[in-house]
Protein backbone atom coordinates (compact mmCIF):
# COMPACT_ATOMS: atom_id res chain seq x y z
CA GLY A 1 169.47 -41.56 92.17
CA PHE A 2 172.98 -41.28 90.01
CA MET A 3 174.31 -44.45 89.09
CA GLU A 4 178.53 -44.59 89.69
CA VAL A 5 180.52 -45.65 86.67
CA GLU A 6 183.95 -46.23 85.47
CA THR A 7 185.54 -44.84 82.41
CA PRO A 8 188.73 -45.83 80.40
CA MET A 9 191.73 -43.79 81.79
CA LEU A 10 193.86 -44.84 78.43
CA GLN A 11 191.87 -42.61 75.60
CA PRO A 12 192.85 -42.87 72.14
CA ILE A 13 191.71 -39.28 71.88
CA PRO A 14 191.86 -36.95 74.64
CA GLY A 15 188.62 -35.15 75.20
CA GLY A 16 186.08 -33.43 77.47
CA ALA A 17 188.71 -30.17 78.01
CA ALA A 18 190.73 -27.78 76.72
CA ALA A 19 193.86 -29.26 77.91
CA ARG A 20 197.42 -30.58 77.13
CA PRO A 21 197.32 -34.69 77.44
CA PHE A 22 200.25 -37.24 78.75
CA VAL A 23 201.04 -39.50 75.59
CA THR A 24 202.18 -42.91 76.33
CA HIS A 25 201.87 -45.94 74.19
CA HIS A 26 200.12 -49.46 74.14
CA ASN A 27 202.43 -52.04 73.21
CA ALA A 28 199.69 -54.88 72.63
CA LEU A 29 198.12 -52.54 70.12
CA ASP A 30 201.14 -51.02 68.84
CA VAL A 31 198.84 -47.44 69.61
CA ASP A 32 199.56 -44.29 71.24
CA MET A 33 197.13 -43.56 73.81
CA TYR A 34 196.50 -40.44 75.86
CA LEU A 35 195.64 -40.20 79.95
CA ARG A 36 192.38 -38.98 79.86
CA ILE A 37 191.81 -35.25 80.76
CA ALA A 38 188.61 -35.54 81.67
CA PRO A 39 185.90 -38.14 81.57
CA GLU A 40 183.24 -36.29 79.86
CA LEU A 41 183.04 -38.11 76.32
CA TYR A 42 182.26 -41.52 77.63
CA LEU A 43 180.00 -40.23 80.57
CA LYS A 44 177.96 -38.49 77.84
CA ARG A 45 177.95 -42.00 75.60
CA LEU A 46 176.38 -43.42 78.41
CA VAL A 47 174.02 -40.96 79.02
CA VAL A 48 173.02 -41.39 75.20
CA GLY A 49 172.13 -44.84 75.96
CA GLY A 50 169.58 -44.33 78.27
CA PHE A 51 171.72 -44.07 81.69
CA GLU A 52 169.69 -41.10 82.82
CA ARG A 53 172.01 -39.78 86.11
CA VAL A 54 175.83 -41.03 85.86
CA TYR A 55 178.70 -39.78 87.87
CA GLU A 56 182.40 -40.75 88.31
CA ILE A 57 184.59 -40.09 91.22
CA ASN A 58 188.07 -40.01 88.74
CA ARG A 59 191.68 -39.07 88.46
CA SER A 60 192.34 -37.19 85.60
CA PHE A 61 195.67 -35.89 84.10
CA ARG A 62 196.65 -32.62 82.42
CA ASN A 63 200.22 -32.56 81.29
CA GLU A 64 200.46 -28.66 82.12
CA GLY A 65 200.34 -25.70 84.82
CA LEU A 66 201.77 -26.93 88.16
CA SER A 67 201.15 -24.22 91.32
CA THR A 68 200.04 -24.40 94.83
CA ARG A 69 195.83 -24.57 93.23
CA HIS A 70 196.69 -26.52 90.24
CA ASN A 71 198.58 -30.43 90.03
CA PRO A 72 198.88 -32.10 86.80
CA GLU A 73 197.39 -35.00 88.29
CA PHE A 74 194.31 -34.76 90.36
CA THR A 75 190.68 -36.60 91.31
CA MET A 76 187.53 -34.76 90.35
CA LEU A 77 183.68 -35.58 90.36
CA GLU A 78 182.04 -35.26 87.12
CA LEU A 79 178.40 -36.29 86.51
CA TYR A 80 175.45 -35.81 83.85
CA TRP A 81 171.71 -35.43 84.18
CA ALA A 82 169.31 -36.09 81.44
CA TYR A 83 166.43 -33.63 81.76
CA ALA A 84 167.86 -31.07 84.06
CA ASP A 85 169.62 -27.63 83.47
CA TYR A 86 172.22 -24.80 85.30
CA HIS A 87 169.45 -24.25 87.90
CA ASP A 88 169.03 -28.11 89.13
CA LEU A 89 172.84 -28.48 89.19
CA MET A 90 173.84 -25.25 91.14
CA ASP A 91 170.81 -26.85 93.43
CA LEU A 92 172.50 -30.04 93.57
CA VAL A 93 175.82 -28.47 93.98
CA GLU A 94 174.91 -26.93 97.04
CA ARG A 95 173.30 -30.01 98.54
CA VAL A 96 176.78 -31.42 97.82
CA PHE A 97 178.81 -29.20 99.31
CA ARG A 98 176.18 -28.84 102.38
CA GLY A 99 175.93 -32.77 102.86
CA VAL A 100 180.15 -33.20 102.86
CA ALA A 101 180.46 -30.39 105.58
CA ASP A 102 177.65 -32.12 107.60
CA ALA A 103 179.69 -35.61 107.19
CA VAL A 104 183.28 -34.72 107.45
CA PRO A 105 183.99 -31.99 109.45
CA GLY A 106 180.39 -31.96 111.23
CA THR A 107 179.88 -28.48 110.82
CA ARG A 108 178.73 -26.34 107.80
CA THR A 109 180.80 -23.38 109.26
CA LEU A 110 184.25 -24.40 107.91
CA GLU A 111 187.58 -22.68 109.20
CA TYR A 112 190.47 -22.28 106.40
CA GLN A 113 193.77 -20.43 106.33
CA GLY A 114 192.26 -17.98 109.20
CA ARG A 115 189.01 -17.34 107.53
CA SER A 116 184.94 -19.09 108.13
CA TYR A 117 183.18 -20.18 105.21
CA ASP A 118 179.12 -20.61 105.75
CA PHE A 119 177.70 -23.57 104.01
CA GLY A 120 174.77 -23.01 105.66
CA ARG A 121 173.37 -20.41 104.19
CA PRO A 122 171.94 -20.26 100.80
CA ALA A 123 175.06 -19.29 98.38
CA ARG A 124 174.73 -16.09 96.68
CA ARG A 125 173.95 -16.34 92.83
CA VAL A 126 175.18 -13.93 90.68
CA THR A 127 175.94 -12.95 87.08
CA ILE A 128 179.65 -11.94 85.43
CA GLU A 129 178.77 -8.39 83.99
CA GLN A 130 176.89 -7.51 87.50
CA LEU A 131 180.00 -8.38 89.33
CA ILE A 132 182.41 -6.68 86.99
CA LEU A 133 180.05 -3.87 87.30
CA ASP A 134 180.48 -4.24 91.12
CA HIS A 135 184.03 -4.63 90.80
CA ASN A 136 184.93 -1.75 88.32
CA PRO A 137 183.91 1.84 89.35
CA GLY A 138 182.90 3.62 86.81
CA PHE A 139 182.83 1.28 84.34
CA ASP A 140 180.22 2.38 81.89
CA PRO A 141 177.26 -0.48 82.04
CA LEU A 142 176.29 0.45 78.05
CA SER A 143 179.68 -0.85 77.03
CA LEU A 144 179.83 -4.12 78.64
CA ARG A 145 179.99 -5.67 75.36
CA ASP A 146 182.11 -3.20 73.24
CA ALA A 147 185.55 -4.89 72.58
CA SER A 148 187.57 -1.66 72.29
CA TYR A 149 186.02 -0.15 75.70
CA LEU A 150 186.70 -3.45 77.60
CA ARG A 151 190.57 -3.31 75.81
CA ARG A 152 190.82 0.27 77.23
CA VAL A 153 189.74 -0.89 80.77
CA LEU A 154 192.07 -3.83 80.64
CA ASP A 155 194.96 -2.01 79.48
CA ALA A 156 194.67 1.00 82.10
CA LYS A 157 194.93 -2.35 84.64
CA GLY A 158 197.80 -3.85 83.03
CA VAL A 159 195.95 -7.26 82.29
CA SER A 160 197.13 -8.72 79.04
CA TYR A 161 195.02 -10.39 76.00
CA SER A 162 195.41 -11.29 72.61
CA PRO A 163 194.41 -9.23 69.33
CA GLN A 164 192.06 -11.48 68.59
CA ASP A 165 189.85 -11.80 71.54
CA GLY A 166 186.13 -10.59 71.73
CA PRO A 167 183.75 -8.97 73.96
CA GLY A 168 183.21 -12.39 75.65
CA THR A 169 186.82 -13.43 76.32
CA LEU A 170 187.88 -9.61 77.66
CA GLN A 171 185.21 -10.01 80.16
CA LEU A 172 186.55 -12.73 81.71
CA ALA A 173 190.02 -11.39 81.43
CA LEU A 174 188.53 -8.73 83.40
CA PHE A 175 186.65 -10.87 85.49
CA ASP A 176 189.43 -12.78 86.48
CA ALA A 177 191.79 -10.03 87.41
CA THR A 178 189.25 -8.12 89.17
CA CYS A 179 186.51 -10.25 90.49
CA GLU A 180 187.50 -13.61 91.22
CA HIS A 181 189.47 -13.32 94.62
CA THR A 182 187.14 -11.11 96.15
CA LEU A 183 184.34 -14.30 96.14
CA GLU A 184 185.18 -15.56 99.59
CA GLN A 185 182.14 -16.87 100.82
CA PRO A 186 180.05 -19.66 98.47
CA THR A 187 179.10 -18.10 95.36
CA PHE A 188 177.54 -19.04 92.08
CA VAL A 189 178.61 -16.85 88.99
CA TYR A 190 176.35 -17.48 86.09
CA ALA A 191 175.36 -16.13 82.58
CA TYR A 192 179.08 -17.26 81.10
CA PRO A 193 180.04 -15.29 77.50
CA ALA A 194 178.84 -17.67 75.05
CA GLU A 195 182.42 -17.29 73.08
CA VAL A 196 184.64 -19.18 76.44
CA SER A 197 181.75 -22.03 77.00
CA PRO A 198 181.93 -23.48 73.85
CA LEU A 199 179.59 -26.73 75.20
CA ALA A 200 176.97 -24.54 77.01
CA ARG A 201 173.58 -24.18 75.89
CA ARG A 202 172.93 -20.43 74.94
CA ASN A 203 170.71 -18.83 77.01
CA ASP A 204 167.36 -18.18 75.06
CA ALA A 205 167.04 -14.34 75.95
CA ASP A 206 170.43 -13.28 75.78
CA PRO A 207 172.62 -15.61 73.00
CA PHE A 208 175.71 -13.42 74.18
CA VAL A 209 175.56 -15.71 77.54
CA THR A 210 175.34 -19.29 77.96
CA ASP A 211 173.67 -21.09 80.72
CA ARG A 212 176.72 -22.05 82.93
CA PHE A 213 177.82 -21.51 86.36
CA GLU A 214 181.38 -21.89 88.30
CA PHE A 215 180.91 -22.37 91.88
CA PHE A 216 183.53 -20.17 93.97
CA VAL A 217 184.44 -20.67 97.88
CA GLY A 218 187.95 -19.16 99.11
CA GLY A 219 188.34 -17.04 95.89
CA ARG A 220 188.81 -20.44 94.24
CA GLU A 221 186.85 -22.35 91.26
CA LEU A 222 185.37 -25.81 92.82
CA ALA A 223 182.87 -26.50 90.32
CA ASN A 224 182.13 -25.74 86.95
CA GLY A 225 178.46 -26.66 85.04
CA PHE A 226 175.92 -25.81 82.32
CA SER A 227 173.15 -27.02 80.34
CA GLU A 228 173.55 -28.65 77.38
């Protein structure tokens, strides 16, 4: 099984995610410290040190966006598993959500804001590129990785992007705008572009993408994981 651990909330260097930290000062040591944006770096140290399965249910802090879907102070579960890959992690995430459904509401069919969500069936597993084709009629499948073509599609839809964005970032912008909100039932989206997945392992057969997934329910991302 997995070992539950506790890592520092005050860190000398914030890491494990791309986010702006809260800054505070440690009077006794007279050094600036940061509230953690993720426990990742410390959990990885434990794996390197020989603890093969670790997790933490952790409070994290990100000094940025505030909305009905984002809070600067939040709780998440983060885990690391030696000798496993992203397929193992997808299987584990599916088991965890099914187990929570069994243990808390006592049913695998959940009602939320007038919709029904079924955690009893195997979750759909689909690539980002397949979803882009599914939700953008007329999209040229041979141009999925053509930056100039992707820019024209985004322009036509009124989706903003930066001039330096490459095809992987442009694909993600198109996915966010046209696909994410459609993912109502439990769905694993995988094969994220390497360009937007800096820590994830590139796929052996197709180095444009990584062995990374995100898990969506109700049009919202609930989990992210990848081989490293």
